[in-house]
Amino acid sequence: MPVESTAVSFRTRGRTFEDETWTGVGSAVLSAAIPWRTFRWYKGQRHYSGTYWSATMRDRA
């Protein structure tokens, strides 16, 4: 798919952009984008909504 035909939708604090062309959206506007939806979680929840921080140790056995 060519980049020119790629459409993006996002929102900033004051405006929602829908089906904008990728090449027509500047980096300044994208850097002001906010999450489209919020992720809620609580202590004891059995699954993680959205992203979460995680650290692992590599097994060198």
C-alpha atoms as a PDB file:
ATOM      1  CA  MET A   1       0.000   0.000   0.000  1.00  0.00           C
ATOM      2  CA  PRO A   2       1.533   3.357  -0.946  1.00  0.00           C
ATOM      3  CA  VAL A   3       2.111   5.849   1.859  1.00  0.00           C
ATOM      4  CA  GLU A   4       0.053   8.456  -0.016  1.00  0.00           C
ATOM      5  CA  SER A   5      -3.075   6.323   0.324  1.00  0.00           C
ATOM      6  CA  THR A   6      -2.642   5.606   4.033  1.00  0.00           C
ATOM      7  CA  ALA A   7      -5.235   7.325   6.248  1.00  0.00           C
ATOM      8  CA  VAL A   8      -4.796   8.137   9.936  1.00  0.00           C
ATOM      9  CA  SER A   9      -7.229   9.226  12.630  1.00  0.00           C
ATOM     10  CA  PHE A  10      -6.152  10.866  15.889  1.00  0.00           C
ATOM     11  CA  ARG A  11      -7.153  13.584  18.296  1.00  0.00           C
ATOM     12  CA  THR A  12      -5.527  16.470  20.106  1.00  0.00           C
ATOM     13  CA  ARG A  13      -6.904  18.358  23.091  1.00  0.00           C
ATOM     14  CA  GLY A  14      -8.947  20.668  20.875  1.00  0.00           C
ATOM     15  CA  ARG A  15      -9.720  18.713  17.718  1.00  0.00           C
ATOM     16  CA  THR A  16     -10.345  15.267  16.218  1.00  0.00           C
ATOM     17  CA  PHE A  17      -8.720  14.380  12.911  1.00  0.00           C
ATOM     18  CA  GLU A  18     -10.299  11.556  10.934  1.00  0.00           C
ATOM     19  CA  ASP A  19      -9.142   9.930   7.688  1.00  0.00           C
ATOM     20  CA  GLU A  20      -6.278  12.381   7.186  1.00  0.00           C
ATOM     21  CA  THR A  21      -3.625  11.394   4.661  1.00  0.00           C
ATOM     22  CA  TRP A  22      -0.360  10.290   6.250  1.00  0.00           C
ATOM     23  CA  THR A  23       1.675  12.640   4.075  1.00  0.00           C
ATOM     24  CA  GLY A  24      -0.636  15.573   4.873  1.00  0.00           C
ATOM     25  CA  VAL A  25      -0.188  15.365   8.645  1.00  0.00           C
ATOM     26  CA  GLY A  26       2.820  17.154  10.092  1.00  0.00           C
ATOM     27  CA  SER A  27       4.958  15.917  12.950  1.00  0.00           C
ATOM     28  CA  ALA A  28       4.011  18.942  15.094  1.00  0.00           C
ATOM     29  CA  VAL A  29       0.324  17.951  14.978  1.00  0.00           C
ATOM     30  CA  LEU A  30       1.095  14.280  15.682  1.00  0.00           C
ATOM     31  CA  SER A  31       3.285  15.164  18.658  1.00  0.00           C
ATOM     32  CA  ALA A  32       0.243  16.862  20.243  1.00  0.00           C
ATOM     33  CA  ALA A  33      -1.916  13.720  19.853  1.00  0.00           C
ATOM     34  CA  ILE A  34      -3.497  12.238  22.984  1.00  0.00           C
ATOM     35  CA  PRO A  35      -4.716   8.663  23.625  1.00  0.00           C
ATOM     36  CA  TRP A  36      -7.924   7.787  21.809  1.00  0.00           C
ATOM     37  CA  ARG A  37      -9.238   5.866  24.781  1.00  0.00           C
ATOM     38  CA  THR A  38      -8.150   5.434  28.350  1.00  0.00           C
ATOM     39  CA  PHE A  39      -7.127   2.187  29.987  1.00  0.00           C
ATOM     40  CA  ARG A  40      -8.401   1.536  33.465  1.00  0.00           C
ATOM     41  CA  TRP A  41      -6.973  -0.923  35.928  1.00  0.00           C
ATOM     42  CA  TYR A  42      -7.178  -1.647  39.610  1.00  0.00           C
ATOM     43  CA  LYS A  43      -5.292  -3.671  42.195  1.00  0.00           C
ATOM     44  CA  GLY A  44      -6.068  -7.366  41.865  1.00  0.00           C
ATOM     45  CA  GLN A  45      -7.256  -7.150  38.252  1.00  0.00           C
ATOM     46  CA  ARG A  46      -6.782 -10.441  36.430  1.00  0.00           C
ATOM     47  CA  HIS A  47      -5.670  -8.934  33.124  1.00  0.00           C
ATOM     48  CA  TYR A  48      -3.828  -5.837  31.939  1.00  0.00           C
ATOM     49  CA  SER A  49      -5.603  -3.333  29.717  1.00  0.00           C
ATOM     50  CA  GLY A  50      -3.324  -1.402  27.385  1.00  0.00           C
ATOM     51  CA  THR A  51       0.387  -1.369  28.064  1.00  0.00           C
ATOM     52  CA  TYR A  52       2.320  -1.863  31.253  1.00  0.00           C
ATOM     53  CA  TRP A  53       5.958  -1.768  32.342  1.00  0.00           C
ATOM     54  CA  SER A  54       7.733  -5.063  32.631  1.00  0.00           C
ATOM     55  CA  ALA A  55      11.287  -6.248  33.255  1.00  0.00           C
ATOM     56  CA  THR A  56      12.712  -9.718  32.733  1.00  0.00           C
ATOM     57  CA  MET A  57      16.076 -11.367  33.276  1.00  0.00           C
ATOM     58  CA  ARG A  58      17.597 -13.348  30.465  1.00  0.00           C
ATOM     59  CA  ASP A  59      18.222 -17.020  31.239  1.00  0.00           C
ATOM     60  CA  ARG A  60      21.896 -17.774  30.617  1.00  0.00           C
ATOM     61  CA  ALA A  61      21.851 -21.444  31.573  1.00  0.00           C
END
